[in-house]
Amino acid sequence: MTSTDHRKLPRRRGDELTAAIFAATLAELAEVGYAGLTMERVAERARTGKASLYRRWSSRMELVLAAVYSTWPEPAEVVDTGTLRGDLLAMMRHNAEVLAGPAGEAMRGLLGDVLADEDRMVRLRQLSRARGRRTVEEIVRRAAERGEVAAEIPPRRLEVGQAMIRQQFLFGGTPIPDEVIVEIVDDVLIPLFAK
């Protein structure tokens, strides 16, 4: 990678710069993995200065989490297929696809890096946005409006699908077979959310 003086490039700000940094982070993850990722290389690839990264994220862990989260849609933006089953399958398939790429490798590396350090593990929990749970809440809310499920689902049930995908990802590897996703949805989630 050749060094470029970012000060001589057109100045980017806001969403444009953030998108470039996230793209550079994911590209670095794909190329060198979490262990090899440095803020310097991300800044160079994004054609910006390290200060631009450190103003937004105080550590490599925070940058990587933000880049990984950028690959998932916001809960309200999740696809609406018109059925609970279709929505759950779409969400789980998307998650499996993301986990099969650089974001998944980043999550493995990140977990390996922070598990031995209680302070960093606490910080990781703080940074977790519970996006998966909020996405399932949105899917279930829509299903309740259609009359497919009860309006009140016990909160812990909303975490089951994400937990099963994480389990498969961590111990079964990637890509996660589609038949596993279908089994999770049909044999576990649909009965779990049934009226």
Protein backbone atom coordinates (compact mmCIF):
# COMPACT_ATOMS: atom_id res chain seq x y z
CA MET A 1 0.00 0.00 0.00
CA THR A 2 1.55 3.32 -1.00
CA SER A 3 1.46 6.25 1.38
CA THR A 4 -0.59 9.24 0.32
CA ASP A 5 -0.50 12.65 1.94
CA HIS A 6 -4.16 12.96 2.92
CA ARG A 7 -3.74 16.73 3.41
CA LYS A 8 -3.42 17.17 -0.37
CA LEU A 9 -6.67 15.34 -1.11
CA PRO A 10 -10.15 16.89 -1.31
CA ARG A 11 -11.54 17.24 2.20
CA ARG A 12 -14.37 14.86 3.09
CA ARG A 13 -16.57 15.20 6.14
CA GLY A 14 -19.54 13.69 7.89
CA ASP A 15 -21.23 10.69 6.33
CA GLU A 16 -18.94 10.63 3.30
CA LEU A 17 -15.82 10.35 5.45
CA THR A 18 -17.44 7.85 7.83
CA ALA A 19 -18.48 5.64 4.89
CA ALA A 20 -14.93 5.75 3.51
CA ILE A 21 -13.51 4.79 6.91
CA PHE A 22 -15.97 1.91 7.31
CA ALA A 23 -15.19 0.65 3.80
CA ALA A 24 -11.47 0.85 4.55
CA THR A 25 -11.94 -0.97 7.86
CA LEU A 26 -13.89 -3.81 6.25
CA ALA A 27 -11.33 -4.05 3.43
CA GLU A 28 -8.50 -4.23 5.95
CA LEU A 29 -10.36 -6.90 7.91
CA ALA A 30 -10.78 -8.94 4.74
CA GLU A 31 -7.12 -8.55 3.88
CA VAL A 32 -5.32 -8.86 7.24
CA GLY A 33 -7.97 -9.89 9.78
CA TYR A 34 -8.69 -8.30 13.13
CA ALA A 35 -5.26 -9.13 14.57
CA GLY A 36 -3.49 -7.34 11.71
CA LEU A 37 -5.77 -4.31 11.53
CA THR A 38 -4.25 -1.02 12.64
CA MET A 39 -5.68 2.47 12.81
CA GLU A 40 -2.76 3.64 10.65
CA ARG A 41 -3.56 1.25 7.81
CA VAL A 42 -7.28 2.06 7.97
CA ALA A 43 -6.52 5.80 7.81
CA GLU A 44 -4.17 5.27 4.88
CA ARG A 45 -6.69 3.13 3.00
CA ALA A 46 -9.48 5.63 3.70
CA ARG A 47 -7.14 8.42 2.55
CA THR A 48 -7.51 10.40 5.74
CA GLY A 49 -5.48 11.09 8.84
CA LYS A 50 -5.35 8.96 11.98
CA ALA A 51 -6.72 11.94 13.91
CA SER A 52 -9.97 11.62 11.92
CA LEU A 53 -10.33 8.08 13.22
CA TYR A 54 -9.41 8.83 16.82
CA ARG A 55 -11.83 11.78 16.96
CA ARG A 56 -14.66 9.31 16.27
CA TRP A 57 -13.42 6.05 17.85
CA SER A 58 -10.99 5.87 20.74
CA SER A 59 -9.83 2.33 19.95
CA ARG A 60 -9.55 -0.29 17.26
CA MET A 61 -12.34 -2.25 18.99
CA GLU A 62 -14.74 0.71 18.78
CA LEU A 63 -13.90 1.35 15.11
CA VAL A 64 -14.36 -2.30 14.16
CA LEU A 65 -17.69 -2.57 15.99
CA ALA A 66 -18.97 0.57 14.29
CA ALA A 67 -17.87 -0.73 10.87
CA VAL A 68 -19.49 -4.11 11.52
CA TYR A 69 -22.74 -2.51 12.70
CA SER A 70 -22.78 -0.41 9.53
CA THR A 71 -23.31 -3.63 7.55
CA TRP A 72 -26.63 -4.34 9.28
CA PRO A 73 -29.78 -2.37 8.48
CA GLU A 74 -31.49 -0.35 11.17
CA PRO A 75 -34.41 -2.28 12.70
CA ALA A 76 -37.04 -0.13 10.99
CA GLU A 77 -35.33 -0.71 7.61
CA VAL A 78 -35.44 -4.51 7.74
CA VAL A 79 -37.24 -6.05 4.79
CA ASP A 80 -41.00 -6.51 5.15
CA THR A 81 -42.06 -9.66 3.27
CA GLY A 82 -45.59 -9.55 4.64
CA THR A 83 -45.22 -12.63 6.87
CA LEU A 84 -43.48 -13.38 10.13
CA ARG A 85 -41.72 -16.39 8.62
CA GLY A 86 -40.55 -14.45 5.57
CA ASP A 87 -39.25 -11.57 7.68
CA LEU A 88 -37.39 -13.90 10.06
CA LEU A 89 -35.85 -15.84 7.18
CA ALA A 90 -34.75 -12.61 5.47
CA MET A 91 -33.19 -11.28 8.68
CA MET A 92 -31.43 -14.54 9.54
CA ARG A 93 -30.13 -15.00 5.99
CA HIS A 94 -28.77 -11.46 5.96
CA ASN A 95 -27.06 -12.02 9.32
CA ALA A 96 -25.54 -15.29 8.07
CA GLU A 97 -24.27 -13.55 4.93
CA VAL A 98 -22.66 -10.73 6.93
CA LEU A 99 -21.07 -13.19 9.36
CA ALA A 100 -19.56 -15.13 6.44
CA GLY A 101 -17.57 -12.05 5.38
CA PRO A 102 -15.04 -9.66 6.93
CA ALA A 103 -17.51 -8.60 9.63
CA GLY A 104 -17.72 -12.16 10.91
CA GLU A 105 -13.96 -12.56 11.00
CA ALA A 106 -13.79 -9.25 12.85
CA MET A 107 -16.25 -10.48 15.45
CA ARG A 108 -14.23 -13.66 16.02
CA GLY A 109 -11.02 -11.69 16.39
CA LEU A 110 -12.62 -9.08 18.58
CA LEU A 111 -14.08 -11.66 20.94
CA GLY A 112 -10.77 -13.44 21.18
CA ASP A 113 -9.07 -10.15 21.91
CA VAL A 114 -11.40 -8.89 24.65
CA LEU A 115 -12.51 -12.05 26.49
CA ALA A 116 -9.38 -12.13 28.65
CA ASP A 117 -9.72 -8.47 29.69
CA GLU A 118 -12.69 -7.71 31.96
CA ASP A 119 -12.52 -3.93 31.40
CA ARG A 120 -12.55 -4.35 27.63
CA MET A 121 -15.36 -6.90 27.89
CA VAL A 122 -17.41 -4.38 29.88
CA ARG A 123 -16.71 -1.77 27.19
CA LEU A 124 -17.75 -4.23 24.48
CA ARG A 125 -21.07 -4.79 26.26
CA GLN A 126 -21.57 -1.02 26.52
CA LEU A 127 -20.94 -0.61 22.80
CA SER A 128 -23.30 -3.41 21.85
CA ARG A 129 -26.33 -1.78 20.35
CA ALA A 130 -28.70 -4.73 20.76
CA ARG A 131 -29.60 -4.16 17.12
CA GLY A 132 -30.49 -7.82 16.61
CA ARG A 133 -33.02 -7.75 19.41
CA ARG A 134 -34.49 -4.45 18.22
CA THR A 135 -34.80 -5.91 14.71
CA VAL A 136 -36.68 -8.94 16.02
CA GLU A 137 -38.90 -6.59 18.08
CA GLU A 138 -39.76 -4.74 14.85
CA ILE A 139 -40.47 -7.98 12.98
CA VAL A 140 -42.69 -9.24 15.81
CA ARG A 141 -44.45 -5.86 16.09
CA ARG A 142 -45.37 -6.02 12.40
CA ALA A 143 -46.48 -9.64 12.78
CA ALA A 144 -48.69 -8.65 15.74
CA GLU A 145 -50.30 -5.91 13.62
CA ARG A 146 -51.10 -8.57 11.00
CA GLY A 147 -52.53 -10.84 13.70
CA GLU A 148 -49.86 -13.53 13.31
CA VAL A 149 -48.59 -13.34 16.91
CA ALA A 150 -49.66 -11.99 20.29
CA ALA A 151 -48.89 -8.34 20.92
CA GLU A 152 -46.80 -9.19 23.99
CA ILE A 153 -43.84 -11.54 23.54
CA PRO A 154 -41.64 -12.23 26.59
CA PRO A 155 -38.45 -10.21 26.01
CA ARG A 156 -36.00 -13.11 26.38
CA ARG A 157 -37.67 -14.92 23.47
CA LEU A 158 -36.64 -12.08 21.18
CA GLU A 159 -32.98 -13.03 21.67
CA VAL A 160 -33.24 -16.73 20.83
CA GLY A 161 -32.78 -16.54 17.05
CA GLN A 162 -29.74 -14.25 17.28
CA ALA A 163 -28.23 -16.48 19.97
CA MET A 164 -28.66 -19.56 17.79
CA ILE A 165 -27.07 -17.86 14.78
CA ARG A 166 -24.13 -16.75 16.95
CA GLN A 167 -23.77 -20.30 18.28
CA GLN A 168 -23.74 -21.71 14.76
CA PHE A 169 -21.32 -19.02 13.61
CA LEU A 170 -18.86 -19.53 16.46
CA PHE A 171 -18.92 -23.31 16.63
CA GLY A 172 -20.25 -24.46 13.26
CA GLY A 173 -18.37 -21.98 11.11
CA THR A 174 -19.41 -20.21 7.97
CA PRO A 175 -21.12 -20.17 5.66
CA ILE A 176 -24.12 -21.04 7.77
CA PRO A 177 -26.16 -23.54 5.72
CA ASP A 178 -29.57 -22.29 4.65
CA GLU A 179 -31.21 -25.45 6.00
CA VAL A 180 -29.94 -24.49 9.47
CA ILE A 181 -31.53 -21.05 9.13
CA VAL A 182 -34.83 -22.58 7.96
CA GLU A 183 -34.77 -25.05 10.88
CA ILE A 184 -34.15 -22.26 13.39
CA VAL A 185 -37.05 -20.24 11.99
CA ASP A 186 -39.52 -23.10 11.46
CA ASP A 187 -38.70 -25.36 14.41
CA VAL A 188 -37.79 -22.78 17.05
CA LEU A 189 -38.84 -19.20 16.34
CA ILE A 190 -42.27 -19.65 14.78
CA PRO A 191 -43.44 -21.95 17.63
CA LEU A 192 -41.79 -19.64 20.18
CA PHE A 193 -43.67 -16.59 18.89
CA ALA A 194 -46.96 -18.40 18.19
CA LYS A 195 -50.12 -17.10 19.86
